[in-house]
Protein backbone atom coordinates (compact mmCIF):
# COMPACT_ATOMS: atom_id res chain seq x y z
CA UNK A 1 -19.52 46.38 90.04
CA UNK A 2 -16.83 43.63 90.27
CA UNK A 3 -16.16 44.25 86.65
CA UNK A 4 -15.28 47.47 87.50
CA UNK A 5 -12.73 46.25 90.06
CA UNK A 6 -11.01 44.66 87.04
CA UNK A 7 -12.55 41.01 87.53
CA UNK A 8 -13.79 39.05 84.65
CA UNK A 9 -17.17 37.92 85.90
CA UNK A 10 -18.86 34.63 84.87
CA UNK A 11 -22.45 34.54 86.18
CA UNK A 12 -24.04 31.04 86.28
CA UNK A 13 -28.01 31.58 86.56
CA UNK A 14 -30.25 28.50 87.63
CA UNK A 15 -32.91 29.94 85.13
CA UNK A 16 -32.97 28.57 81.47
CA UNK A 17 -32.06 31.27 79.10
CA UNK A 18 -35.09 31.32 77.25
CA UNK A 19 -37.11 31.81 80.46
CA UNK A 20 -34.51 34.38 82.17
CA UNK A 21 -36.03 37.72 81.03
CA UNK A 22 -39.61 36.71 80.20
CA UNK A 23 -42.59 37.04 82.31
CA UNK A 24 -43.39 33.84 84.46
CA UNK A 25 -46.80 33.85 86.34
CA UNK A 26 -45.08 31.19 88.92
CA UNK A 27 -42.61 34.21 89.93
CA UNK A 28 -44.56 37.18 88.99
CA UNK A 29 -43.14 39.21 91.85
CA UNK A 30 -43.38 42.98 91.98
CA UNK A 31 -40.34 44.65 93.25
CA UNK A 32 -40.30 48.09 95.02
CA UNK A 33 -36.68 49.69 94.54
CA UNK A 34 -36.63 52.30 97.33
CA UNK A 35 -33.76 54.61 98.23
CA UNK A 36 -31.81 51.95 99.91
CA UNK A 37 -31.88 49.79 96.52
CA UNK A 38 -31.20 52.92 94.43
CA UNK A 39 -27.97 53.45 96.04
CA UNK A 40 -26.91 50.57 93.67
CA UNK A 41 -28.72 51.63 90.43
CA UNK A 42 -27.26 55.29 91.06
CA UNK A 43 -23.76 53.87 90.84
CA UNK A 44 -24.50 53.28 87.24
CA UNK A 45 -26.34 56.25 85.57
CA UNK A 46 -27.82 54.10 82.71
CA UNK A 47 -29.33 51.62 85.37
CA UNK A 48 -31.15 54.44 87.15
CA UNK A 49 -32.30 55.96 83.91
CA UNK A 50 -33.76 52.38 83.05
CA UNK A 51 -35.31 52.23 86.33
CA UNK A 52 -37.09 55.56 85.96
CA UNK A 53 -38.05 54.26 82.48
CA UNK A 54 -39.50 50.97 83.29
CA UNK A 55 -40.72 51.51 86.80
CA UNK A 56 -43.89 53.25 88.25
CA UNK A 57 -43.09 55.92 90.92
CA UNK A 58 -44.96 54.93 94.16
CA UNK A 59 -46.12 58.54 94.36
CA UNK A 60 -48.12 58.10 91.04
CA UNK A 61 -50.04 55.21 92.19
CA UNK A 62 -53.60 55.12 94.04
CA UNK A 63 -55.42 52.71 96.29
CA UNK A 64 -58.68 51.10 95.55
CA UNK A 65 -60.38 48.97 98.19
CA UNK A 66 -63.44 47.10 97.03
CA UNK A 67 -65.56 45.64 99.75
CA UNK A 68 -66.71 42.05 99.43
CA UNK A 69 -70.36 43.32 99.63
CA UNK A 70 -71.44 44.52 96.21
CA UNK A 71 -73.95 47.15 97.91
CA UNK A 72 -71.09 48.99 99.39
CA UNK A 73 -69.25 51.91 97.54
CA UNK A 74 -65.64 51.20 96.38
CA UNK A 75 -63.21 53.33 98.13
CA UNK A 76 -60.60 55.24 96.04
CA UNK A 77 -57.68 57.07 97.32
CA UNK A 78 -55.92 59.15 94.99
CA UNK A 79 -52.72 59.13 96.76
CA UNK A 80 -51.11 56.13 98.72
CA UNK A 81 -49.65 56.62 102.12
CA UNK A 82 -45.95 57.18 101.54
CA UNK A 83 -43.69 56.31 104.44
CA UNK A 84 -40.36 58.00 103.05
CA UNK A 85 -39.87 61.23 101.46
CA UNK A 86 -37.51 59.69 98.98
CA UNK A 87 -39.08 58.12 96.00
CA UNK A 88 -39.46 54.57 95.04
CA UNK A 89 -40.33 52.55 91.89
CA UNK A 90 -42.61 49.61 91.42
CA UNK A 91 -41.15 47.14 88.73
CA UNK A 92 -42.04 43.54 87.83
CA UNK A 93 -39.28 40.96 88.35
CA UNK A 94 -38.83 40.25 84.73
CA UNK A 95 -38.22 43.76 83.84
CA UNK A 96 -35.62 44.32 86.63
CA UNK A 97 -33.77 41.38 85.25
CA UNK A 98 -34.10 42.81 81.64
CA UNK A 99 -32.90 46.13 83.03
CA UNK A 100 -29.73 44.40 84.69
CA UNK A 101 -29.20 42.31 81.35
CA UNK A 102 -29.14 45.72 79.31
CA UNK A 103 -26.66 47.25 81.84
CA UNK A 104 -24.33 44.44 81.31
CA UNK A 105 -24.54 44.56 77.61
CA UNK A 106 -23.63 48.29 77.70
CA UNK A 107 -20.82 47.59 80.16
CA UNK A 108 -19.36 44.95 77.57
CA UNK A 109 -19.73 47.29 74.85
CA UNK A 110 -17.53 49.97 76.33
CA UNK A 111 -14.41 47.87 75.83
CA UNK A 112 -12.65 49.60 78.78
CA UNK A 113 -9.26 48.03 79.43
CA UNK A 114 -9.28 48.76 83.14
CA UNK A 115 -12.69 46.75 83.43
CA UNK A 116 -13.42 43.17 83.26
CA UNK A 117 -16.05 41.37 80.98
CA UNK A 118 -19.25 40.03 82.25
CA UNK A 119 -20.68 36.59 80.68
CA UNK A 120 -24.03 35.12 81.64
CA UNK A 121 -24.42 31.15 81.57
CA UNK A 122 -27.95 30.10 81.88
CA UNK A 123 -29.19 26.78 83.10
CA UNK A 124 -26.57 25.89 85.64
CA UNK A 125 -26.79 24.76 89.38
CA UNK A 126 -24.14 24.72 92.01
CA UNK A 127 -23.05 21.27 93.15
CA UNK A 128 -20.12 21.79 95.24
CA UNK A 129 -17.48 24.21 96.33
CA UNK A 130 -14.05 23.58 97.28
CA UNK A 131 -10.53 25.21 97.59
CA UNK A 132 -7.85 24.56 94.81
CA UNK A 133 -5.07 26.40 96.75
CA UNK A 134 -4.77 29.97 98.43
CA UNK A 135 -5.44 31.68 95.22
CA UNK A 136 -8.29 29.96 93.64
CA UNK A 137 -11.65 28.19 94.38
CA UNK A 138 -13.28 25.35 92.27
CA UNK A 139 -17.06 25.05 91.73
CA UNK A 140 -18.77 21.97 90.31
CA UNK A 141 -21.79 22.85 88.32
CA UNK A 142 -24.34 20.93 86.55
CA UNK A 143 -26.11 22.06 83.42
CA UNK A 144 -29.64 21.55 82.02
CA UNK A 145 -28.78 18.08 80.61
CA UNK A 146 -27.10 16.83 83.96
CA UNK A 147 -23.65 17.05 82.76
CA UNK A 148 -21.01 18.25 85.38
CA UNK A 149 -18.77 21.13 84.62
CA UNK A 150 -15.88 22.40 86.73
CA UNK A 151 -14.84 26.20 86.95
CA UNK A 152 -12.42 28.05 89.19
CA UNK A 153 -12.07 31.67 90.30
CA UNK A 154 -10.61 33.97 92.68
CA UNK A 155 -13.66 35.12 94.24
CA UNK A 156 -17.03 33.13 94.28
CA UNK A 157 -20.08 35.25 95.05
CA UNK A 158 -22.94 33.06 96.36
CA UNK A 159 -26.06 34.89 95.36
CA UNK A 160 -28.16 31.65 94.93
CA UNK A 161 -31.06 32.35 96.94
CA UNK A 162 -32.68 31.28 100.06
CA UNK A 163 -31.72 27.62 99.78
CA UNK A 164 -28.07 28.57 98.85
CA UNK A 165 -25.78 25.68 97.76
CA UNK A 166 -22.74 27.70 98.16
CA UNK A 167 -23.73 28.43 101.76
CA UNK A 168 -24.57 24.67 102.36
CA UNK A 169 -21.15 23.64 101.05
CA UNK A 170 -19.43 26.13 103.49
CA UNK A 171 -21.58 24.74 106.44
CA UNK A 172 -20.33 21.13 105.62
CA UNK A 173 -16.98 22.25 104.44
CA UNK A 174 -14.87 21.51 107.67
CA UNK A 175 -12.71 18.78 105.84
CA UNK A 176 -12.53 20.74 102.60
CA UNK A 177 -11.58 24.09 103.96
CA UNK A 178 -9.76 22.82 107.22
CA UNK A 179 -6.36 24.09 105.96
CA UNK A 180 -7.80 27.68 105.89
CA UNK A 181 -6.68 28.98 109.23
CA UNK A 182 -9.79 30.24 111.23
CA UNK A 183 -12.29 28.72 108.87
CA UNK A 184 -15.46 27.84 110.90
CA UNK A 185 -18.02 25.83 109.21
CA UNK A 186 -20.55 26.45 112.09
CA UNK A 187 -21.00 30.06 111.29
CA UNK A 188 -22.71 29.06 108.20
CA UNK A 189 -25.48 27.27 109.93
CA UNK A 190 -28.55 29.44 109.29
CA UNK A 191 -30.38 31.11 112.28
CA UNK A 192 -34.03 31.00 111.71
CA UNK A 193 -37.15 32.53 113.55
CA UNK A 194 -40.88 32.21 112.86
CA UNK A 195 -42.93 35.55 112.48
CA UNK A 196 -46.72 35.64 111.90
CA UNK A 197 -46.34 35.50 108.13
CA UNK A 198 -43.75 32.85 107.83
CA UNK A 199 -45.31 29.81 105.83
CA UNK A 200 -48.10 31.76 104.20
CA UNK A 201 -48.38 31.01 100.57
CA UNK A 202 -48.97 33.08 97.53
CA UNK A 203 -49.97 32.33 93.97
CA UNK A 204 -51.01 34.82 91.22
CA UNK A 205 -53.97 34.75 88.96
CA UNK A 206 -53.29 36.39 85.47
CA UNK A 207 -55.68 39.34 85.06
CA UNK A 208 -56.21 41.44 81.94
CA UNK A 209 -54.75 44.99 82.53
CA UNK A 210 -57.24 47.89 82.96
CA UNK A 211 -60.08 45.35 83.97
CA UNK A 212 -63.20 46.73 85.63
CA UNK A 213 -65.28 45.92 88.76
CA UNK A 214 -68.76 46.95 89.37
CA UNK A 215 -69.45 49.80 92.09
CA UNK A 216 -72.50 49.75 94.31
CA UNK A 217 -74.61 51.56 91.81
CA UNK A 218 -73.76 49.03 89.10
CA UNK A 219 -71.51 51.44 87.21
CA UNK A 220 -68.03 49.81 86.13
CA UNK A 221 -64.97 51.20 87.76
CA UNK A 222 -61.60 50.47 85.55
CA UNK A 223 -58.67 49.43 87.70
CA UNK A 224 -55.84 51.41 86.21
CA UNK A 225 -52.38 49.64 86.21
CA UNK A 226 -51.09 52.28 88.50
CA UNK A 227 -53.50 51.50 91.44
CA UNK A 228 -52.89 49.36 94.37
CA UNK A 229 -56.07 47.25 94.37
CA UNK A 230 -57.58 44.89 97.35
CA UNK A 231 -60.77 43.03 96.06
CA UNK A 232 -62.25 41.38 99.28
CA UNK A 233 -64.52 38.58 99.78
CA UNK A 234 -68.19 38.56 100.59
CA UNK A 235 -67.37 35.96 103.08
CA UNK A 236 -65.08 38.22 104.95
CA UNK A 237 -65.42 36.31 108.33
CA UNK A 238 -65.09 32.83 106.99
CA UNK A 239 -61.71 31.34 107.65
CA UNK A 240 -61.71 29.82 103.99
CA UNK A 241 -62.47 33.29 102.31
CA UNK A 242 -59.80 34.68 100.03
CA UNK A 243 -59.20 38.17 98.51
CA UNK A 244 -57.14 39.41 95.48
CA UNK A 245 -54.45 42.05 95.75
CA UNK A 246 -52.87 43.85 92.72
CA UNK A 247 -49.57 45.88 93.12
CA UNK A 248 -49.15 48.79 90.79
CA UNK A 249 -47.36 48.60 87.38
CA UNK A 250 -46.75 50.64 84.22
CA UNK A 251 -49.36 51.08 81.69
CA UNK A 252 -47.50 49.04 78.95
CA UNK A 253 -47.94 45.78 80.86
CA UNK A 254 -50.72 43.71 79.50
CA UNK A 255 -50.93 41.08 82.16
CA UNK A 256 -51.60 41.90 85.83
CA UNK A 257 -50.86 39.51 88.59
CA UNK A 258 -53.84 38.99 91.06
CA UNK A 259 -52.18 37.83 94.27
CA UNK A 260 -54.00 35.29 96.64
CA UNK A 261 -52.13 35.06 100.13
CA UNK A 262 -53.36 32.57 102.54
CA UNK A 263 -52.18 29.99 105.24
CA UNK A 264 -50.79 26.83 103.82
CA UNK A 265 -53.74 24.60 105.21
CA UNK A 266 -56.47 26.88 103.62
CA UNK A 267 -59.19 25.13 101.42
CA UNK A 268 -57.86 27.15 98.48
CA UNK A 269 -54.79 24.87 98.19
CA UNK A 270 -57.03 21.85 97.92
CA UNK A 271 -58.57 22.81 94.46
CA UNK A 272 -56.80 21.41 91.50
CA UNK A 273 -59.26 21.83 88.58
CA UNK A 274 -59.87 24.83 86.59
CA UNK A 275 -63.71 24.46 86.92
CA UNK A 276 -63.75 24.04 90.62
CA UNK A 277 -61.18 26.78 91.23
CA UNK A 278 -63.44 29.44 89.15
CA UNK A 279 -66.59 28.38 91.11
CA UNK A 280 -64.61 28.89 94.34
CA UNK A 281 -63.39 32.20 93.51
CA UNK A 282 -66.83 33.35 92.21
CA UNK A 283 -68.45 32.35 95.58
CA UNK A 284 -65.86 34.66 97.36
CA UNK A 285 -65.51 37.51 94.98
CA UNK A 286 -68.97 38.92 93.62
CA UNK A 287 -67.68 42.27 91.96
CA UNK A 288 -65.44 40.94 89.55
CA UNK A 289 -66.24 39.75 85.97
CA UNK A 290 -64.25 36.56 85.83
CA UNK A 291 -65.47 35.62 82.20
CA UNK A 292 -62.57 37.55 81.02
CA UNK A 293 -60.28 34.88 82.35
CA UNK A 294 -59.81 31.98 80.04
CA UNK A 295 -60.54 28.36 81.04
CA UNK A 296 -56.79 27.61 80.53
CA UNK A 297 -55.75 30.23 82.82
CA UNK A 298 -58.21 28.96 85.49
CA UNK A 299 -56.59 25.46 84.93
CA UNK A 300 -53.15 26.74 85.24
CA UNK A 301 -53.99 28.79 88.35
CA UNK A 302 -55.63 25.86 90.04
CA UNK A 303 -52.60 23.44 89.38
CA UNK A 304 -49.80 26.11 90.25
CA UNK A 305 -47.96 25.18 93.53
CA UNK A 306 -47.36 28.90 94.46
CA UNK A 307 -44.78 30.28 96.69
CA UNK A 308 -44.20 30.00 100.41
CA UNK A 309 -42.98 32.88 102.52
CA UNK A 310 -39.50 32.09 103.86
CA UNK A 311 -38.29 31.87 107.75
CA UNK A 312 -36.83 34.98 108.99
CA UNK A 313 -33.27 33.84 108.66
CA UNK A 314 -29.65 34.83 108.21
CA UNK A 315 -26.06 33.41 107.99
CA UNK A 316 -23.97 34.62 110.90
CA UNK A 317 -20.91 33.93 108.23
CA UNK A 318 -20.78 35.99 105.37
CA UNK A 319 -17.41 35.04 104.06
CA UNK A 320 -14.76 32.51 103.97
CA UNK A 321 -11.01 33.05 102.95
CA UNK A 322 -7.49 31.80 103.69
CA UNK A 323 -5.67 34.18 105.97
CA UNK A 324 -2.85 35.04 103.63
CA UNK A 325 -4.46 34.07 100.31
CA UNK A 326 -5.93 36.26 97.42
CA UNK A 327 -9.23 34.17 97.05
CA UNK A 328 -12.36 33.88 98.97
CA UNK A 329 -16.16 33.27 98.92
CA UNK A 330 -18.82 35.90 99.89
CA UNK A 331 -22.57 35.54 100.52
CA UNK A 332 -24.85 38.30 99.29
CA UNK A 333 -28.73 38.85 99.08
CA UNK A 334 -31.05 35.96 99.94
CA UNK A 335 -28.25 33.54 100.36
CA UNK A 336 -26.96 35.61 103.48
CA UNK A 337 -30.59 36.76 104.59
CA UNK A 338 -34.22 36.13 103.77
CA UNK A 339 -37.50 36.84 105.13
CA UNK A 340 -41.30 37.37 104.19
CA UNK A 341 -42.00 40.45 101.99
CA UNK A 342 -43.63 42.38 104.78
CA UNK A 343 -41.19 45.31 105.29
CA UNK A 344 -40.40 45.65 101.40
CA UNK A 345 -36.72 45.36 102.21
CA UNK A 346 -35.73 42.09 100.16
CA UNK A 347 -34.25 43.24 97.03
CA UNK A 348 -33.17 46.51 98.50
CA UNK A 349 -31.42 44.74 101.43
CA UNK A 350 -29.65 42.56 98.64
CA UNK A 351 -28.55 45.53 96.63
CA UNK A 352 -27.38 47.25 99.69
CA UNK A 353 -25.05 44.23 100.28
CA UNK A 354 -23.65 44.89 96.89
CA UNK A 355 -22.97 48.64 97.68
CA UNK A 356 -21.29 47.78 100.94
CA UNK A 357 -19.22 45.03 99.29
CA UNK A 358 -17.98 47.63 96.72
CA UNK A 359 -17.28 50.31 99.40
CA UNK A 360 -15.19 47.67 101.35
CA UNK A 361 -13.09 46.44 98.41
CA UNK A 362 -12.46 50.10 97.57
CA UNK A 363 -11.47 51.21 101.00
CA UNK A 364 -9.79 48.30 102.76
CA UNK A 365 -6.05 47.76 102.16
CA UNK A 366 -4.58 44.25 101.78
CA UNK A 367 -5.30 41.21 99.84
CA UNK A 368 -8.90 39.97 99.06
CA UNK A 369 -9.07 37.75 102.23
CA UNK A 370 -8.60 40.88 104.33
CA UNK A 371 -11.24 42.72 102.41
CA UNK A 372 -13.70 39.76 102.76
CA UNK A 373 -13.31 39.63 106.60
CA UNK A 374 -13.73 43.48 106.80
CA UNK A 375 -16.98 43.28 104.85
CA UNK A 376 -18.29 40.59 107.22
CA UNK A 377 -17.36 42.71 110.30
CA UNK A 378 -19.13 45.64 108.70
CA UNK A 379 -22.28 43.90 107.22
CA UNK A 380 -22.80 41.04 109.96
CA UNK A 381 -24.39 43.27 112.49
CA UNK A 382 -26.61 45.01 109.61
CA UNK A 383 -27.79 41.50 108.58
CA UNK A 384 -28.67 40.48 112.05
CA UNK A 385 -30.65 43.64 112.64
CA UNK A 386 -32.41 43.40 109.37
CA UNK A 387 -33.92 39.96 110.45
CA UNK A 388 -35.18 41.50 113.84
CA UNK A 389 -36.82 44.19 111.82
CA UNK A 390 -38.28 41.50 109.49
CA UNK A 391 -39.73 39.53 112.36
CA UNK A 392 -41.67 42.48 113.98
CA UNK A 393 -41.94 45.27 111.42
CA UNK A 394 -45.26 44.68 109.62
CA UNK A 395 -46.32 40.95 109.72
CA UNK A 396 -50.18 41.48 109.91
CA UNK A 397 -50.65 43.30 106.82
CA UNK A 398 -52.39 40.30 104.92
CA UNK A 399 -55.66 40.50 106.91
CA UNK A 400 -56.31 36.73 107.42
CA UNK A 401 -59.69 36.01 108.96
CA UNK A 402 -58.53 33.73 111.76
CA UNK A 403 -59.87 35.14 115.10
CA UNK A 404 -56.35 34.82 116.58
CA UNK A 405 -54.68 36.68 113.78
CA UNK A 406 -57.05 39.47 113.96
CA UNK A 407 -56.39 39.72 117.88
CA UNK A 408 -52.66 39.87 117.36
CA UNK A 409 -53.25 42.32 114.57
CA UNK A 410 -55.23 44.70 116.82
CA UNK A 411 -52.39 44.44 119.53
CA UNK A 412 -49.78 45.20 116.90
CA UNK A 413 -51.67 48.31 115.63
CA UNK A 414 -52.02 49.44 119.12
CA UNK A 415 -48.35 49.07 119.80
CA UNK A 416 -47.43 50.95 116.52
CA UNK A 417 -49.95 53.73 117.21
CA UNK A 418 -48.54 53.98 120.70
CA UNK A 419 -45.08 54.50 119.42
CA UNK A 420 -46.24 56.88 116.40
CA UNK A 421 -48.15 59.15 119.36
CA UNK A 422 -44.95 59.22 121.64
CA UNK A 423 -42.93 60.31 118.51
CA UNK A 424 -45.41 63.20 117.99
CA UNK A 425 -45.68 64.23 121.53
CA UNK A 426 -41.79 64.05 122.00
CA UNK A 427 -41.23 66.16 118.65
CA UNK A 428 -39.27 63.19 117.19
CA UNK A 429 -37.11 62.53 120.37
CA UNK A 430 -38.84 59.19 120.70
CA UNK A 431 -38.40 57.09 117.33
CA UNK A 432 -41.32 56.12 115.17
CA UNK A 433 -42.49 52.63 114.88
CA UNK A 434 -40.06 50.24 113.35
CA UNK A 435 -41.84 49.90 109.89
CA UNK A 436 -41.92 53.70 109.62
CA UNK A 437 -38.25 54.03 110.58
CA UNK A 438 -36.92 51.41 108.22
CA UNK A 439 -38.39 53.62 105.45
CA UNK A 440 -35.55 56.16 106.26
CA UNK A 441 -32.82 55.12 104.00
CA UNK A 442 -30.28 57.22 105.97
CA UNK A 443 -30.99 55.28 108.97
CA UNK A 444 -28.90 51.92 109.29
CA UNK A 445 -30.90 48.68 110.05
CA UNK A 446 -28.76 48.66 113.28
CA UNK A 447 -29.95 51.91 114.37
CA UNK A 448 -33.82 51.09 113.52
CA UNK A 449 -33.50 48.08 115.66
CA UNK A 450 -31.61 49.72 118.58
CA UNK A 451 -34.30 52.61 118.52
CA UNK A 452 -36.98 50.13 118.72
CA UNK A 453 -35.50 48.32 121.70
CA UNK A 454 -35.02 51.74 123.62
CA UNK A 455 -38.64 52.56 123.04
CA UNK A 456 -39.78 49.24 124.28
CA UNK A 457 -37.67 49.57 127.37
CA UNK A 458 -39.22 53.01 127.97
CA UNK A 459 -42.85 51.62 127.66
CA UNK A 460 -41.99 48.86 130.03
CA UNK A 461 -40.63 51.30 132.61
CA UNK A 462 -43.82 53.61 132.09
CA UNK A 463 -46.25 50.51 132.36
CA UNK A 464 -44.33 49.35 135.64
CA UNK A 465 -44.63 52.79 137.03
CA UNK A 466 -48.17 52.96 136.42
CA UNK A 467 -48.63 49.43 137.81
CA UNK A 468 -46.68 50.38 141.10
CA UNK A 469 -48.60 53.77 141.50
CA UNK A 470 -51.93 52.00 141.22
CA UNK A 471 -51.15 48.66 143.19
CA UNK A 472 -47.97 49.33 145.06
CA UNK A 473 -49.45 49.95 148.49
CA UNK A 474 -51.73 46.75 148.20
CA UNK A 475 -48.68 44.64 147.05
CA UNK A 476 -46.68 45.94 150.13
CA UNK A 477 -49.71 45.27 152.48
CA UNK A 478 -49.74 41.70 151.19
CA UNK A 479 -45.95 41.20 151.47
CA UNK A 480 -46.25 42.52 154.99
CA UNK A 481 -48.85 39.94 155.86
């Protein structure tokens, strides 16, 4: 996108080159690119074509739920519950990276004189960011061998993740950026909130694609790559039980991640040997033929540290720029906002940032600093609303066995069901629950959050009215006494 604005783009990526586009079980994430994310891919027809080629349409998936009790029949739903009319696509992380790499190569091969070139440098981390003058910014990098390297540019894009070093440099940059009028380091101090899923940990067991599980009558059921599978524990009410979940993939994938998600103090995280891990998993999951997994994989799985779900957090500051200069810094994606994967908006929100940044660069008059400040004014409220949605949208989907978690889940379901019922009874005048509303790509995050607030206010008013009608006279009598 920036290259199409005439910039020569240098991408400094932390991941080593040999690992960048390959499957890595430690980060074997599945992305669901919905209509919000496809606003980006559709800007480049070849990217959208590649997404259709490498991804699996969500409408082509099915759902398989295997109860932990082997005597119970496995439930198979041929069609998943789709919350949006617009199609979305499941794609593994490494395939998405490959897709973008292919797009970069095609762009460079065009040799368009009006477009800049794109070059990727792997194995670099950001150490420091500082201004040179009002027209360029210096970045100190460190390569895989620990050597420092300084580079400079007109525009620095901080897309370096949850623990963004670019954002950290801005937060601590009062002395360095002090000459930039209106620079406020405090606005880059991240605002954090806890949700029920914050801090949960995930790691994936590598399963062969198309593996089978036993139905209640002993017959094997092959789990096609296209299904969403939930294989539950026979110890469903044990707080140290586990289950395995698989997200849909295309048929050409040979390794399928089986995700285990638990709280961080779960017994599961104390097991460090492959033999113990295999025994523990076999105790919980009676339907799966785990002999298909090698001892080496059990050992890798046991020793893997896993990934923790981040706080619901955002940076109030999205850019820094001198008032009259033609340079600046912008934060996009996880460096600007991050949250657990509950609402399926992580990569889509990041791609939406890019689309909005592109629109702002095209539509705003003035120098780069003016355009960056315009982007912050537009996208800042969206970012704040996104984090509110992430906190309350769908945090109880992981079905943890703790009693307090189960109670809160029931209350959340009752709240969501009430909102859906009111939506039906009002013929759509009252908005749907938040997780349903956010699936509509034509509705901004701000509007989703605002609609949820209005419904909450209405529900409170109804509740107060009922309480007053039921107990109002008694309350007045007590006050009169």
